[in-house]
Amino acid sequence: MNPWFAKTVILLAYIVMLAIRAPHIRRSRAIPVMKSRKGPLEIFLLTIAGLAFVLLLTWMATPVFAFADYPLHPIPLLTGALGLVLGLWLLYRSHADLATNWSVTLEVREKHQLVTHGVYRWVRHPIYLALLIYSAGRPSCFPTGWWARPAGLPWLSSSPFAWDPRSA
């Protein structure tokens, strides 16, 4: 199976993730920040996550990692694509349910409220679960081995255990 199938699936998933987040990023910038917990550690971890995406794009656009490639098989590709779709759906629902309470970093915005409806009724941190499912599905789509497995996981270090907004 041609590796461009995998590259197309992963690129489309990345574009969908950006499309889900873009309107929320714009909206959150318009709402005043009441309390920020953004610090050097968070900036460092976000930088690592950004570098992981650069690695992904490097794999897609150049032959730099071709030495680690193995044949792409349909079952892992479909399994990974299912994980990407499920993760993206949960990410979309999480952002929609949070509405104006969402922000890129750990911040409490003006008129911030605890959200307990929608997917937040069932899962305390559905965005982190969505990213975990998405990150678990993505390596199955890669027709490459060792380096792709952890490439989507830097976000774990800025997990929901880092800060609880209710303690603010």
C-alpha atoms as a PDB file:
ATOM      1  CA  MET A   1       0.000   0.000   0.000  1.00  0.00           C
ATOM      2  CA  ASN A   2       1.349   3.432  -0.916  1.00  0.00           C
ATOM      3  CA  PRO A   3       2.608   5.468   2.103  1.00  0.00           C
ATOM      4  CA  TRP A   4       0.910   8.540   0.659  1.00  0.00           C
ATOM      5  CA  PHE A   5      -2.397   7.089   1.904  1.00  0.00           C
ATOM      6  CA  ALA A   6      -1.071   7.388   5.443  1.00  0.00           C
ATOM      7  CA  LYS A   7       0.358  10.831   4.823  1.00  0.00           C
ATOM      8  CA  THR A   8      -2.978  12.004   3.430  1.00  0.00           C
ATOM      9  CA  VAL A   9      -4.937  10.617   6.404  1.00  0.00           C
ATOM     10  CA  ILE A  10      -2.574  12.211   8.917  1.00  0.00           C
ATOM     11  CA  LEU A  11      -2.472  15.551   7.088  1.00  0.00           C
ATOM     12  CA  LEU A  12      -6.287  15.666   6.855  1.00  0.00           C
ATOM     13  CA  ALA A  13      -6.565  14.874  10.575  1.00  0.00           C
ATOM     14  CA  TYR A  14      -4.113  17.663  11.373  1.00  0.00           C
ATOM     15  CA  ILE A  15      -6.070  20.134   9.213  1.00  0.00           C
ATOM     16  CA  VAL A  16      -9.333  19.106  10.889  1.00  0.00           C
ATOM     17  CA  MET A  17      -7.740  19.614  14.323  1.00  0.00           C
ATOM     18  CA  LEU A  18      -6.653  23.118  13.314  1.00  0.00           C
ATOM     19  CA  ALA A  19     -10.131  23.839  11.933  1.00  0.00           C
ATOM     20  CA  ILE A  20     -11.708  22.717  15.209  1.00  0.00           C
ATOM     21  CA  ARG A  21      -9.403  24.860  17.340  1.00  0.00           C
ATOM     22  CA  ALA A  22      -9.058  28.019  15.208  1.00  0.00           C
ATOM     23  CA  PRO A  23     -12.439  29.626  15.995  1.00  0.00           C
ATOM     24  CA  HIS A  24     -12.015  28.881  19.700  1.00  0.00           C
ATOM     25  CA  ILE A  25      -8.532  30.405  19.718  1.00  0.00           C
ATOM     26  CA  ARG A  26      -9.876  33.590  18.101  1.00  0.00           C
ATOM     27  CA  ARG A  27     -12.800  33.779  20.518  1.00  0.00           C
ATOM     28  CA  SER A  28     -10.687  33.147  23.616  1.00  0.00           C
ATOM     29  CA  ARG A  29      -8.326  35.995  22.715  1.00  0.00           C
ATOM     30  CA  ALA A  30     -11.266  38.400  22.837  1.00  0.00           C
ATOM     31  CA  ILE A  31     -12.225  37.473  26.421  1.00  0.00           C
ATOM     32  CA  PRO A  32     -10.170  39.127  29.197  1.00  0.00           C
ATOM     33  CA  VAL A  33      -7.974  36.869  31.337  1.00  0.00           C
ATOM     34  CA  MET A  34      -8.759  37.053  35.037  1.00  0.00           C
ATOM     35  CA  LYS A  35      -6.044  34.648  36.232  1.00  0.00           C
ATOM     36  CA  SER A  36      -3.216  33.031  34.314  1.00  0.00           C
ATOM     37  CA  ARG A  37      -1.160  30.021  35.313  1.00  0.00           C
ATOM     38  CA  LYS A  38       0.975  30.190  32.199  1.00  0.00           C
ATOM     39  CA  GLY A  39       4.590  29.746  33.164  1.00  0.00           C
ATOM     40  CA  PRO A  40       7.956  28.714  31.732  1.00  0.00           C
ATOM     41  CA  LEU A  41       7.196  24.987  32.082  1.00  0.00           C
ATOM     42  CA  GLU A  42       3.988  25.272  30.083  1.00  0.00           C
ATOM     43  CA  ILE A  43       5.708  27.330  27.378  1.00  0.00           C
ATOM     44  CA  PHE A  44       8.482  24.724  27.211  1.00  0.00           C
ATOM     45  CA  LEU A  45       5.974  21.846  26.923  1.00  0.00           C
ATOM     46  CA  LEU A  46       3.963  23.641  24.235  1.00  0.00           C
ATOM     47  CA  THR A  47       7.217  24.160  22.335  1.00  0.00           C
ATOM     48  CA  ILE A  48       7.976  20.440  22.523  1.00  0.00           C
ATOM     49  CA  ALA A  49       4.475  19.666  21.228  1.00  0.00           C
ATOM     50  CA  GLY A  50       5.046  22.087  18.350  1.00  0.00           C
ATOM     51  CA  LEU A  51       8.352  20.397  17.523  1.00  0.00           C
ATOM     52  CA  ALA A  52       6.566  17.036  17.406  1.00  0.00           C
ATOM     53  CA  PHE A  53       4.297  18.445  14.713  1.00  0.00           C
ATOM     54  CA  VAL A  54       7.355  19.720  12.836  1.00  0.00           C
ATOM     55  CA  LEU A  55       8.754  16.169  12.936  1.00  0.00           C
ATOM     56  CA  LEU A  56       5.471  14.934  11.511  1.00  0.00           C
ATOM     57  CA  LEU A  57       5.601  17.454   8.678  1.00  0.00           C
ATOM     58  CA  THR A  58       9.254  16.574   8.034  1.00  0.00           C
ATOM     59  CA  TRP A  59       8.276  12.927   7.659  1.00  0.00           C
ATOM     60  CA  MET A  60       5.535  13.891   5.214  1.00  0.00           C
ATOM     61  CA  ALA A  61       7.502  16.292   3.050  1.00  0.00           C
ATOM     62  CA  THR A  62      11.020  14.844   2.973  1.00  0.00           C
ATOM     63  CA  PRO A  63      12.745  11.449   2.819  1.00  0.00           C
ATOM     64  CA  VAL A  64      14.695  12.157   6.049  1.00  0.00           C
ATOM     65  CA  PHE A  65      13.021   9.302   7.955  1.00  0.00           C
ATOM     66  CA  ALA A  66      12.741   6.899   4.994  1.00  0.00           C
ATOM     67  CA  PHE A  67      15.315   4.588   6.596  1.00  0.00           C
ATOM     68  CA  ALA A  68      12.737   3.680   9.279  1.00  0.00           C
ATOM     69  CA  ASP A  69       9.851   2.983   6.891  1.00  0.00           C
ATOM     70  CA  TYR A  70       8.131  -0.369   6.696  1.00  0.00           C
ATOM     71  CA  PRO A  71       5.263  -1.487   4.435  1.00  0.00           C
ATOM     72  CA  LEU A  72       1.910   0.158   5.084  1.00  0.00           C
ATOM     73  CA  HIS A  73      -0.903  -2.334   5.717  1.00  0.00           C
ATOM     74  CA  PRO A  74      -4.631  -1.515   5.442  1.00  0.00           C
ATOM     75  CA  ILE A  75      -5.747  -2.846   8.865  1.00  0.00           C
ATOM     76  CA  PRO A  76      -3.405  -0.679  10.982  1.00  0.00           C
ATOM     77  CA  LEU A  77      -4.155   2.301   8.721  1.00  0.00           C
ATOM     78  CA  LEU A  78      -7.914   1.871   9.155  1.00  0.00           C
ATOM     79  CA  THR A  79      -7.554   1.272  12.908  1.00  0.00           C
ATOM     80  CA  GLY A  80      -5.420   4.387  13.247  1.00  0.00           C
ATOM     81  CA  ALA A  81      -7.805   6.426  11.093  1.00  0.00           C
ATOM     82  CA  LEU A  82     -10.696   5.322  13.329  1.00  0.00           C
ATOM     83  CA  GLY A  83      -8.731   6.529  16.382  1.00  0.00           C
ATOM     84  CA  LEU A  84      -8.067   9.851  14.653  1.00  0.00           C
ATOM     85  CA  VAL A  85     -11.754  10.296  13.783  1.00  0.00           C
ATOM     86  CA  LEU A  86     -12.930   9.379  17.284  1.00  0.00           C
ATOM     87  CA  GLY A  87     -10.345  11.663  18.884  1.00  0.00           C
ATOM     88  CA  LEU A  88     -11.259  14.549  16.581  1.00  0.00           C
ATOM     89  CA  TRP A  89     -14.982  14.092  17.232  1.00  0.00           C
ATOM     90  CA  LEU A  90     -14.403  14.178  21.005  1.00  0.00           C
ATOM     91  CA  LEU A  91     -12.129  17.207  20.597  1.00  0.00           C
ATOM     92  CA  TYR A  92     -14.857  19.000  18.628  1.00  0.00           C
ATOM     93  CA  ARG A  93     -17.555  18.166  21.211  1.00  0.00           C
ATOM     94  CA  SER A  94     -15.279  19.215  24.079  1.00  0.00           C
ATOM     95  CA  HIS A  95     -14.533  22.586  22.534  1.00  0.00           C
ATOM     96  CA  ALA A  96     -18.191  23.162  21.634  1.00  0.00           C
ATOM     97  CA  ASP A  97     -19.345  22.298  25.167  1.00  0.00           C
ATOM     98  CA  LEU A  98     -16.706  24.547  26.770  1.00  0.00           C
ATOM     99  CA  ALA A  99     -17.597  27.473  24.494  1.00  0.00           C
ATOM    100  CA  THR A 100     -16.085  30.663  25.959  1.00  0.00           C
ATOM    101  CA  ASN A 101     -14.480  28.785  28.874  1.00  0.00           C
ATOM    102  CA  TRP A 102     -11.797  27.306  26.606  1.00  0.00           C
ATOM    103  CA  SER A 103      -8.290  28.743  26.308  1.00  0.00           C
ATOM    104  CA  VAL A 104      -5.026  27.512  24.819  1.00  0.00           C
ATOM    105  CA  THR A 105      -3.164  27.752  28.119  1.00  0.00           C
ATOM    106  CA  LEU A 106      -4.130  27.438  31.766  1.00  0.00           C
ATOM    107  CA  GLU A 107      -6.176  30.599  32.221  1.00  0.00           C
ATOM    108  CA  VAL A 108      -9.396  31.616  33.907  1.00  0.00           C
ATOM    109  CA  ARG A 109     -11.319  34.017  31.696  1.00  0.00           C
ATOM    110  CA  GLU A 110     -13.925  36.614  32.606  1.00  0.00           C
ATOM    111  CA  LYS A 111     -17.281  34.930  33.492  1.00  0.00           C
ATOM    112  CA  HIS A 112     -15.550  31.532  33.648  1.00  0.00           C
ATOM    113  CA  GLN A 113     -17.839  28.703  34.782  1.00  0.00           C
ATOM    114  CA  LEU A 114     -17.433  25.038  35.565  1.00  0.00           C
ATOM    115  CA  VAL A 115     -18.897  23.068  32.641  1.00  0.00           C
ATOM    116  CA  THR A 116     -20.836  19.939  33.600  1.00  0.00           C
ATOM    117  CA  HIS A 117     -22.986  19.358  30.518  1.00  0.00           C
ATOM    118  CA  GLY A 118     -22.356  17.576  27.212  1.00  0.00           C
ATOM    119  CA  VAL A 119     -19.281  15.344  27.202  1.00  0.00           C
ATOM    120  CA  TYR A 120     -18.204  16.968  30.481  1.00  0.00           C
ATOM    121  CA  ARG A 121     -21.102  15.135  32.125  1.00  0.00           C
ATOM    122  CA  TRP A 122     -19.307  11.841  31.409  1.00  0.00           C
ATOM    123  CA  VAL A 123     -15.599  12.724  31.313  1.00  0.00           C
ATOM    124  CA  ARG A 124     -13.846  15.258  33.519  1.00  0.00           C
ATOM    125  CA  HIS A 125     -11.128  16.148  30.970  1.00  0.00           C
ATOM    126  CA  PRO A 126     -12.461  15.153  27.526  1.00  0.00           C
ATOM    127  CA  ILE A 127      -9.929  17.285  25.606  1.00  0.00           C
ATOM    128  CA  TYR A 128      -7.082  15.286  27.142  1.00  0.00           C
ATOM    129  CA  LEU A 129      -8.946  12.045  26.414  1.00  0.00           C
ATOM    130  CA  ALA A 130      -9.520  13.220  22.828  1.00  0.00           C
ATOM    131  CA  LEU A 131      -5.812  13.977  22.404  1.00  0.00           C
ATOM    132  CA  LEU A 132      -4.909  10.606  23.929  1.00  0.00           C
ATOM    133  CA  ILE A 133      -7.199   8.748  21.502  1.00  0.00           C
ATOM    134  CA  TYR A 134      -5.928  10.860  18.605  1.00  0.00           C
ATOM    135  CA  SER A 135      -2.304  10.277  19.629  1.00  0.00           C
ATOM    136  CA  ALA A 136      -2.905   6.540  20.039  1.00  0.00           C
ATOM    137  CA  GLY A 137      -4.422   6.315  16.554  1.00  0.00           C
ATOM    138  CA  ARG A 138      -1.817   8.332  14.722  1.00  0.00           C
ATOM    139  CA  PRO A 139       1.147   5.911  15.070  1.00  0.00           C
ATOM    140  CA  SER A 140      -0.916   3.109  13.497  1.00  0.00           C
ATOM    141  CA  CYS A 141      -1.205   5.276  10.406  1.00  0.00           C
ATOM    142  CA  PHE A 142       2.547   5.806  10.146  1.00  0.00           C
ATOM    143  CA  PRO A 143       4.400   3.388   7.885  1.00  0.00           C
ATOM    144  CA  THR A 144       7.465   4.018   9.997  1.00  0.00           C
ATOM    145  CA  GLY A 145       8.576   2.617  13.277  1.00  0.00           C
ATOM    146  CA  TRP A 146      10.405   3.667  16.376  1.00  0.00           C
ATOM    147  CA  TRP A 147      10.350   7.479  16.249  1.00  0.00           C
ATOM    148  CA  ALA A 148       6.657   7.878  15.381  1.00  0.00           C
ATOM    149  CA  ARG A 149       5.252   6.234  18.480  1.00  0.00           C
ATOM    150  CA  PRO A 150       5.956   8.993  21.023  1.00  0.00           C
ATOM    151  CA  ALA A 151       5.731  11.925  18.560  1.00  0.00           C
ATOM    152  CA  GLY A 152       2.208  12.908  19.592  1.00  0.00           C
ATOM    153  CA  LEU A 153       2.520  12.555  23.340  1.00  0.00           C
ATOM    154  CA  PRO A 154       4.334  15.680  24.653  1.00  0.00           C
ATOM    155  CA  TRP A 155       0.986  17.152  25.657  1.00  0.00           C
ATOM    156  CA  LEU A 156       0.709  14.512  28.418  1.00  0.00           C
ATOM    157  CA  SER A 157       3.156  16.419  30.575  1.00  0.00           C
ATOM    158  CA  SER A 158       0.770  19.386  30.714  1.00  0.00           C
ATOM    159  CA  SER A 159      -2.074  17.088  31.719  1.00  0.00           C
ATOM    160  CA  PRO A 160      -5.170  17.965  33.758  1.00  0.00           C
ATOM    161  CA  PHE A 161      -3.231  17.062  36.891  1.00  0.00           C
ATOM    162  CA  ALA A 162      -1.105  20.180  36.455  1.00  0.00           C
ATOM    163  CA  TRP A 163      -3.835  22.561  37.589  1.00  0.00           C
ATOM    164  CA  ASP A 164      -7.482  22.386  38.537  1.00  0.00           C
ATOM    165  CA  PRO A 165      -9.361  25.613  37.599  1.00  0.00           C
ATOM    166  CA  ARG A 166     -11.741  25.113  40.530  1.00  0.00           C
ATOM    167  CA  SER A 167      -8.834  25.706  42.901  1.00  0.00           C
ATOM    168  CA  ALA A 168      -8.354  29.243  41.518  1.00  0.00           C
END
